[in-house]
Amino acid sequence: MRPSRLAENVTKAAYKIIETKKATYYGIGLSLVRIVKAIFGGENSILTVSAMLRGEYGVSEVFAGVPCILGRDGIQEILALNLEPKEEKQFQNSCALLDSVWHDSFYADQAKS
């Protein structure tokens, strides 16, 4: 599947779930069950979870959803995908946005205290 087609499918997935089930929380619940099963079962399964990046994909100190090996001790390894330069730049831009939103929220909360 072409990366652009994959991105389009992912973007539309939530709308398809809402259309058929009228909610997305079932998917969230099932995902959590799967993650817990992988950890408590020591499965060493490959799942996409939010992980702190430390140089992977040219990004550091940001949590982002990436493929990881999950086992009894949580994330065992972050798996690096072979991204095209354009895809890697898009991923880096997304991470920069996540980092900006987090910092804006964190420091806004700090200023209120």
Protein backbone atom coordinates (compact mmCIF):
# COMPACT_ATOMS: atom_id res chain seq x y z
CA MET A 1 0.00 0.00 0.00
CA ARG A 2 1.32 3.44 -0.91
CA PRO A 3 2.19 5.63 2.11
CA SER A 4 -0.25 8.35 0.95
CA ARG A 5 -3.04 5.76 0.75
CA LEU A 6 -2.12 4.43 4.20
CA ALA A 7 -2.24 7.94 5.68
CA GLU A 8 -5.64 8.50 4.07
CA ASN A 9 -6.98 5.22 5.50
CA VAL A 10 -5.74 6.05 8.99
CA THR A 11 -7.27 9.52 8.81
CA LYS A 12 -10.65 8.13 7.79
CA ALA A 13 -10.65 5.18 10.23
CA ALA A 14 -12.24 7.05 13.15
CA TYR A 15 -15.06 8.31 10.93
CA LYS A 16 -15.77 4.77 9.73
CA ILE A 17 -15.87 3.50 13.33
CA ILE A 18 -18.21 6.29 14.41
CA GLU A 19 -20.44 5.65 11.40
CA THR A 20 -20.82 1.94 12.18
CA LYS A 21 -20.64 1.83 15.99
CA LYS A 22 -21.63 5.42 16.82
CA ALA A 23 -18.49 5.76 19.01
CA THR A 24 -14.74 5.19 19.04
CA TYR A 25 -14.32 4.20 22.69
CA TYR A 26 -14.69 0.50 21.85
CA GLY A 27 -11.51 0.69 19.79
CA ILE A 28 -9.66 2.44 22.60
CA GLY A 29 -10.80 -0.18 25.10
CA LEU A 30 -9.78 -3.06 22.83
CA SER A 31 -6.40 -1.44 22.22
CA LEU A 32 -5.78 -1.14 25.96
CA VAL A 33 -6.73 -4.79 26.47
CA ARG A 34 -4.24 -5.78 23.77
CA ILE A 35 -1.43 -3.69 25.29
CA VAL A 36 -2.05 -5.04 28.80
CA LYS A 37 -2.13 -8.61 27.47
CA ALA A 38 1.21 -8.07 25.71
CA ILE A 39 2.82 -6.69 28.87
CA PHE A 40 1.41 -9.09 31.47
CA GLY A 41 1.79 -12.05 29.12
CA GLY A 42 5.41 -11.16 28.34
CA GLU A 43 4.59 -11.59 24.66
CA ASN A 44 7.29 -9.40 23.14
CA SER A 45 4.69 -8.34 20.57
CA ILE A 46 5.08 -5.54 18.06
CA LEU A 47 2.47 -2.87 18.78
CA THR A 48 2.20 0.83 18.06
CA VAL A 49 2.31 2.71 21.36
CA SER A 50 3.39 6.12 22.57
CA ALA A 51 7.10 6.05 23.41
CA MET A 52 9.69 8.64 24.38
CA LEU A 53 11.90 9.12 21.33
CA ARG A 54 15.60 9.50 21.95
CA GLY A 55 16.97 10.14 18.49
CA GLU A 56 14.79 7.73 16.54
CA TYR A 57 13.54 9.34 13.32
CA GLY A 58 15.68 12.39 14.16
CA VAL A 59 13.43 13.28 17.12
CA SER A 60 14.31 13.51 20.82
CA GLU A 61 12.43 14.11 24.08
CA VAL A 62 8.95 13.70 22.55
CA PHE A 63 6.40 10.96 23.10
CA ALA A 64 4.97 9.72 19.81
CA GLY A 65 3.12 6.66 18.53
CA VAL A 66 5.69 4.34 17.01
CA PRO A 67 6.04 0.57 16.55
CA CYS A 68 7.62 -1.03 19.61
CA ILE A 69 8.32 -4.45 21.00
CA LEU A 70 6.21 -4.73 24.16
CA GLY A 71 7.01 -7.29 26.82
CA ARG A 72 6.82 -7.89 30.55
CA ASP A 73 8.91 -4.78 31.32
CA GLY A 74 6.97 -2.55 28.92
CA ILE A 75 8.71 -1.18 25.86
CA GLN A 76 11.66 -3.41 25.04
CA GLU A 77 12.69 -1.67 21.84
CA ILE A 78 11.50 1.07 19.49
CA LEU A 79 11.48 -0.25 15.94
CA ALA A 80 12.66 2.12 13.25
CA LEU A 81 10.68 2.15 10.04
CA ASN A 82 12.39 2.96 6.76
CA LEU A 83 10.65 6.22 5.96
CA GLU A 84 11.07 8.21 2.78
CA PRO A 85 12.70 11.62 3.40
CA LYS A 86 9.33 13.38 2.91
CA GLU A 87 7.62 11.01 5.38
CA GLU A 88 10.37 11.48 7.94
CA LYS A 89 10.04 15.27 7.65
CA GLN A 90 6.26 14.99 8.10
CA PHE A 91 6.79 12.82 11.18
CA GLN A 92 9.31 15.33 12.58
CA ASN A 93 6.84 18.16 11.97
CA SER A 94 4.12 16.22 13.82
CA CYS A 95 6.48 15.62 16.74
CA ALA A 96 7.43 19.31 16.82
CA LEU A 97 3.73 20.17 17.04
CA LEU A 98 3.20 17.64 19.86
CA ASP A 99 6.17 19.08 21.71
CA SER A 100 4.92 22.64 21.25
CA VAL A 101 1.41 21.82 22.48
CA TRP A 102 2.79 19.95 25.50
CA HIS A 103 5.18 22.75 26.44
CA ASP A 104 2.49 25.42 25.96
CA SER A 105 0.12 23.45 28.19
CA PHE A 106 2.77 22.66 30.82
CA TYR A 107 4.08 26.20 31.09
CA ALA A 108 0.56 27.68 31.03
CA ASP A 109 -0.28 25.46 34.04
CA GLN A 110 2.96 26.51 35.76
CA ALA A 111 2.13 30.20 35.30
CA LYS A 112 -1.29 29.70 36.94
CA SER A 113 0.28 28.20 40.11
